[in-house]
Structure formats: C-alpha cells, structure tokens
Amino acid sequence: MPLQNIRDGLLVALVLRYEQDRNQFVILSKHTIDSSAARLAIAELRNAGLVEEHVRGVIRLTALGYEKYRNAPLPYAYAG
C-alpha cells in the first residue's frame, strides 16, 4: 500500500476520533505497528506536529493536525 494511502487512512481515522473526543488516543493494531510504511507515515505526521504519540502505537490528532486536515482539499477517494 502506498505511503500516501496509509497516511490518508490514518488521518481519516484520527479525525473521526478527534471529532468524538479530542482527548482520546487511538490504539493502532499490531499489524499497523509492525508495518514499516505505517511507522514511517506516523513519524512524518508526528514530525510535522499533526499527531501526538503517547507510546508506540498509541496516537491522537493534535489541534494543528485537525485544522490542517479540515482546511485541506479532500482526496478524490474521500470526497462524496
């Protein structure tokens, strides 16, 4: 799976959780944690300040991440 698809999927899941409870962390599956592509996507998001990682595999969207996501155009796969 391309890195951009993994990143977009993580962002969508994190945005949904953020909108329910912005203080709640998402616990990623072992399969996701073990994926080098997923770890790279998480690292890029964390380094950009878009996600916070409590411990490995336990992440949540930051307020900055939410604002950037909400202001960005949606990829065609998620539009509509």
Protein backbone atom coordinates (compact mmCIF):
# COMPACT_ATOMS: atom_id res chain seq x y z
CA MET A 1 0.00 0.00 0.00
CA PRO A 2 1.48 3.37 -0.95
CA LEU A 3 2.62 5.59 1.91
CA GLN A 4 0.17 8.35 0.95
CA ASN A 5 -2.78 5.93 1.24
CA ILE A 6 -1.62 4.81 4.68
CA ARG A 7 -1.18 8.42 5.78
CA ASP A 8 -4.61 9.43 4.45
CA GLY A 9 -6.27 6.44 6.12
CA LEU A 10 -4.65 7.26 9.45
CA LEU A 11 -5.73 10.88 9.19
CA VAL A 12 -9.34 9.97 8.44
CA ALA A 13 -9.47 7.60 11.43
CA LEU A 14 -7.83 10.18 13.68
CA VAL A 15 -10.15 12.98 12.55
CA LEU A 16 -13.21 10.83 13.28
CA ARG A 17 -11.91 10.05 16.77
CA TYR A 18 -10.91 13.71 17.33
CA GLU A 19 -14.43 14.84 16.48
CA GLN A 20 -15.85 12.36 19.03
CA ASP A 21 -13.36 13.13 21.80
CA ARG A 22 -10.26 15.17 21.11
CA ASN A 23 -8.52 13.87 24.24
CA GLN A 24 -8.84 10.19 23.36
CA PHE A 25 -5.91 8.32 21.84
CA VAL A 26 -6.26 5.71 19.09
CA ILE A 27 -4.64 2.34 19.72
CA LEU A 28 -3.28 1.00 16.45
CA SER A 29 -3.42 -2.69 15.59
CA LYS A 30 -0.33 -4.88 15.88
CA HIS A 31 -0.39 -5.27 12.09
CA THR A 32 -0.21 -1.48 11.69
CA ILE A 33 2.51 -1.07 14.31
CA ASP A 34 4.59 -3.79 12.65
CA SER A 35 4.31 -2.16 9.22
CA SER A 36 7.39 -0.12 8.33
CA ALA A 37 5.32 2.00 5.93
CA ALA A 38 2.79 2.78 8.67
CA ARG A 39 5.58 3.64 11.12
CA LEU A 40 7.08 5.98 8.52
CA ALA A 41 3.71 7.65 7.94
CA ILE A 42 3.22 8.10 11.70
CA ALA A 43 6.73 9.51 12.08
CA GLU A 44 6.10 12.03 9.29
CA LEU A 45 2.81 13.11 10.85
CA ARG A 46 4.42 13.35 14.30
CA ASN A 47 7.40 15.35 13.00
CA ALA A 48 5.02 17.76 11.26
CA GLY A 49 3.19 18.28 14.57
CA LEU A 50 -0.04 16.75 13.26
CA VAL A 51 -0.18 13.79 15.65
CA GLU A 52 0.97 13.09 19.18
CA GLU A 53 2.25 9.64 20.08
CA HIS A 54 1.75 8.70 23.74
CA VAL A 55 3.68 5.44 23.36
CA ARG A 56 4.44 3.42 20.26
CA GLY A 57 1.14 2.66 18.52
CA VAL A 58 -1.00 4.95 20.68
CA ILE A 59 -1.63 8.21 18.83
CA ARG A 60 -4.05 11.09 18.56
CA LEU A 61 -4.51 14.06 16.29
CA THR A 62 -3.31 17.43 17.53
CA ALA A 63 -5.36 20.60 17.19
CA LEU A 64 -2.95 21.69 14.45
CA GLY A 65 -3.45 18.38 12.66
CA TYR A 66 -7.21 18.77 12.82
CA GLU A 67 -7.11 22.32 11.47
CA LYS A 68 -4.76 21.40 8.63
CA TYR A 69 -6.92 18.40 7.72
CA ARG A 70 -10.15 20.41 7.79
CA ASN A 71 -8.65 23.15 5.59
CA ALA A 72 -7.06 20.79 3.05
CA PRO A 73 -8.90 19.63 -0.07
CA LEU A 74 -10.08 16.04 0.28
CA PRO A 75 -8.53 13.36 -1.90
CA TYR A 76 -10.96 12.14 -4.54
CA ALA A 77 -11.35 8.82 -2.71
CA TYR A 78 -12.89 10.54 0.33
CA ALA A 79 -14.90 13.25 -1.45
CA GLY A 80 -18.56 12.50 -1.66
